[in-house]
């Protein structure tokens, strides 16, 4: 499996340690940056590029997931979710990592590097990677509705208000 990783300055040390851990587990890691510390860097392009990598791999039939870091993880999750087909989940414990995969088939995880020690973050990521999607009909249906809205701005048979 290929794991796409991105961060900003707040998560750079986490990212480096995580990449070593993931490579040690035998995953192919693609680092989308940054390459060096810059306290004024901007996370959107890094995280969007990681999400694009996941989306491209999925379309090509290559198993892939993404991991994005930042101070809180919130902005990084928002950036990744701007990419069509990405379901990025903000994770803060093992339960949210498990549910992101089981119920939402999340393909990107976002973690706040200033919120957790690296050992906890690695545990959350391992849980996320190792947890399969349940494929329960209700979850498949809900994910399908999200994708339909993303593509069309509507959900067939459901009331969705206009802007």
Protein backbone atom coordinates (compact mmCIF):
# COMPACT_ATOMS: atom_id res chain seq x y z
CA UNK A 1 0.00 0.00 0.00
CA UNK A 2 1.09 3.55 -0.73
CA UNK A 3 0.77 6.18 2.01
CA UNK A 4 0.74 9.86 1.02
CA UNK A 5 1.99 12.17 3.79
CA UNK A 6 1.86 15.96 4.16
CA UNK A 7 2.18 18.48 6.96
CA UNK A 8 3.10 22.03 7.75
CA UNK A 9 5.83 23.35 10.01
CA UNK A 10 3.93 22.24 13.14
CA UNK A 11 3.98 18.60 12.09
CA UNK A 12 7.34 18.32 10.35
CA UNK A 13 9.05 16.32 13.11
CA UNK A 14 5.97 14.09 13.43
CA UNK A 15 5.96 13.53 9.69
CA UNK A 16 9.59 12.46 9.61
CA UNK A 17 9.14 9.99 12.47
CA UNK A 18 5.90 8.68 10.99
CA UNK A 19 7.48 8.10 7.59
CA UNK A 20 10.24 6.02 9.16
CA UNK A 21 7.62 4.00 11.05
CA UNK A 22 5.50 3.41 7.94
CA UNK A 23 8.51 2.43 5.84
CA UNK A 24 9.47 0.01 8.61
CA UNK A 25 6.03 -1.56 8.24
CA UNK A 26 6.71 -2.05 4.53
CA UNK A 27 4.57 0.75 3.10
CA UNK A 28 5.62 2.90 0.18
CA UNK A 29 5.62 6.46 1.53
CA UNK A 30 5.20 9.53 -0.68
CA UNK A 31 6.17 12.77 1.07
CA UNK A 32 4.29 15.82 -0.24
CA UNK A 33 6.18 18.26 1.94
CA UNK A 34 7.41 20.41 3.27
CA UNK A 35 11.04 19.38 2.89
CA UNK A 36 12.35 21.75 5.56
CA UNK A 37 11.11 23.84 8.46
CA UNK A 38 9.57 27.21 7.62
CA UNK A 39 7.47 28.76 10.40
CA UNK A 40 5.51 30.74 7.78
CA UNK A 41 4.68 27.92 5.39
CA UNK A 42 1.12 27.27 4.23
CA UNK A 43 -0.38 23.80 4.63
CA UNK A 44 -3.11 23.84 1.92
CA UNK A 45 -0.92 22.95 -1.07
CA UNK A 46 0.94 20.20 0.82
CA UNK A 47 -2.28 18.59 2.05
CA UNK A 48 -4.12 19.01 -1.24
CA UNK A 49 -1.21 17.35 -3.05
CA UNK A 50 -1.31 14.40 -0.64
CA UNK A 51 -5.07 14.09 -1.17
CA UNK A 52 -4.63 14.31 -4.94
CA UNK A 53 -2.08 11.50 -4.70
CA UNK A 54 -4.58 9.31 -2.84
CA UNK A 55 -7.36 10.14 -5.33
CA UNK A 56 -5.13 9.42 -8.35
CA UNK A 57 -3.97 6.13 -6.88
CA UNK A 58 -7.54 5.07 -6.07
CA UNK A 59 -8.64 5.82 -9.65
CA UNK A 60 -5.67 3.79 -10.94
CA UNK A 61 -6.51 0.85 -8.68
CA UNK A 62 -3.47 1.36 -6.45
CA UNK A 63 -4.24 0.83 -2.75
CA UNK A 64 -3.48 4.13 -1.00
CA UNK A 65 -4.29 6.19 2.07
CA UNK A 66 -3.18 9.62 3.23
CA UNK A 67 -1.94 11.14 6.47
CA UNK A 68 -1.86 14.91 7.02
CA UNK A 69 -0.58 16.80 10.08
CA UNK A 70 -0.74 20.32 11.38
CA UNK A 71 -1.00 22.10 14.69
CA UNK A 72 -4.62 21.07 15.28
CA UNK A 73 -5.26 18.98 12.18
CA UNK A 74 -8.40 20.97 11.40
CA UNK A 75 -7.14 23.06 8.49
CA UNK A 76 -5.27 20.09 7.04
CA UNK A 77 -8.46 18.02 7.08
CA UNK A 78 -10.37 20.86 5.41
CA UNK A 79 -7.72 21.19 2.70
CA UNK A 80 -7.69 17.45 1.95
CA UNK A 81 -11.50 17.37 1.78
CA UNK A 82 -11.45 19.89 -1.08
CA UNK A 83 -10.26 17.10 -3.40
CA UNK A 84 -13.03 15.14 -5.10
CA UNK A 85 -13.29 11.62 -3.76
CA UNK A 86 -11.42 12.33 -0.54
CA UNK A 87 -12.97 11.57 2.80
CA UNK A 88 -10.54 13.04 5.34
CA UNK A 89 -11.25 12.48 9.03
CA UNK A 90 -9.87 14.41 11.97
CA UNK A 91 -8.69 11.76 14.43
CA UNK A 92 -7.84 12.30 18.08
CA UNK A 93 -7.98 8.76 19.53
CA UNK A 94 -8.11 5.11 18.47
CA UNK A 95 -11.91 5.07 18.45
CA UNK A 96 -12.17 7.94 15.96
CA UNK A 97 -9.50 6.27 13.81
CA UNK A 98 -11.45 3.01 13.80
CA UNK A 99 -14.81 4.63 13.08
CA UNK A 100 -13.35 6.79 10.30
CA UNK A 101 -12.47 3.60 8.43
CA UNK A 102 -15.31 1.30 9.50
CA UNK A 103 -18.21 3.72 8.97
CA UNK A 104 -16.91 6.40 6.60
CA UNK A 105 -14.29 4.54 4.56
CA UNK A 106 -12.07 7.56 5.17
CA UNK A 107 -9.05 7.56 2.89
CA UNK A 108 -7.14 10.36 4.62
CA UNK A 109 -6.48 10.87 8.32
CA UNK A 110 -5.69 14.26 9.87
CA UNK A 111 -3.99 14.62 13.24
CA UNK A 112 -3.02 17.65 15.31
CA UNK A 113 0.71 17.40 15.95
CA UNK A 114 0.46 19.88 18.81
CA UNK A 115 -2.31 17.84 20.41
CA UNK A 116 -0.64 14.42 20.82
CA UNK A 117 2.71 12.83 21.49
CA UNK A 118 4.13 11.14 18.38
CA UNK A 119 3.65 7.67 19.94
CA UNK A 120 -0.10 8.28 20.20
CA UNK A 121 -0.29 9.64 16.66
CA UNK A 122 1.50 6.56 15.32
CA UNK A 123 -0.93 4.33 17.22
CA UNK A 124 -3.92 6.23 15.72
CA UNK A 125 -2.43 5.91 12.22
CA UNK A 126 -1.70 2.20 12.61
CA UNK A 127 -5.28 1.68 13.79
CA UNK A 128 -6.59 3.67 10.81
CA UNK A 129 -4.49 1.73 8.30
CA UNK A 130 -5.27 -1.67 9.82
CA UNK A 131 -9.04 -1.16 10.10
CA UNK A 132 -11.10 -2.23 7.08
CA UNK A 133 -14.31 -0.58 5.86
CA UNK A 134 -17.29 -2.66 7.02
CA UNK A 135 -19.15 -2.27 3.71
CA UNK A 136 -22.46 -2.26 5.59
CA UNK A 137 -25.22 -1.11 3.25
CA UNK A 138 -26.10 1.94 5.36
CA UNK A 139 -22.50 3.18 5.29
CA UNK A 140 -22.12 2.52 1.57
CA UNK A 141 -25.37 4.43 0.96
CA UNK A 142 -24.26 7.43 3.01
CA UNK A 143 -20.83 7.61 1.38
CA UNK A 144 -22.50 7.36 -2.01
CA UNK A 145 -24.72 10.33 -1.10
CA UNK A 146 -21.66 12.39 -0.15
CA UNK A 147 -20.03 11.56 -3.48
CA UNK A 148 -23.21 12.35 -5.39
CA UNK A 149 -23.48 15.75 -3.72
CA UNK A 150 -19.81 16.42 -4.35
CA UNK A 151 -20.27 15.75 -8.08
CA UNK A 152 -23.75 17.20 -8.68
CA UNK A 153 -24.74 19.48 -5.80
CA UNK A 154 -27.78 17.27 -5.12
CA UNK A 155 -28.72 13.96 -3.51
CA UNK A 156 -31.45 12.03 -5.37
CA UNK A 157 -34.57 11.67 -3.26
CA UNK A 158 -33.27 13.95 -0.49
CA UNK A 159 -33.93 17.59 0.27
CA UNK A 160 -30.76 19.63 -0.04
CA UNK A 161 -31.22 23.37 0.22
CA UNK A 162 -29.58 25.71 -2.27
CA UNK A 163 -27.10 28.38 -1.21
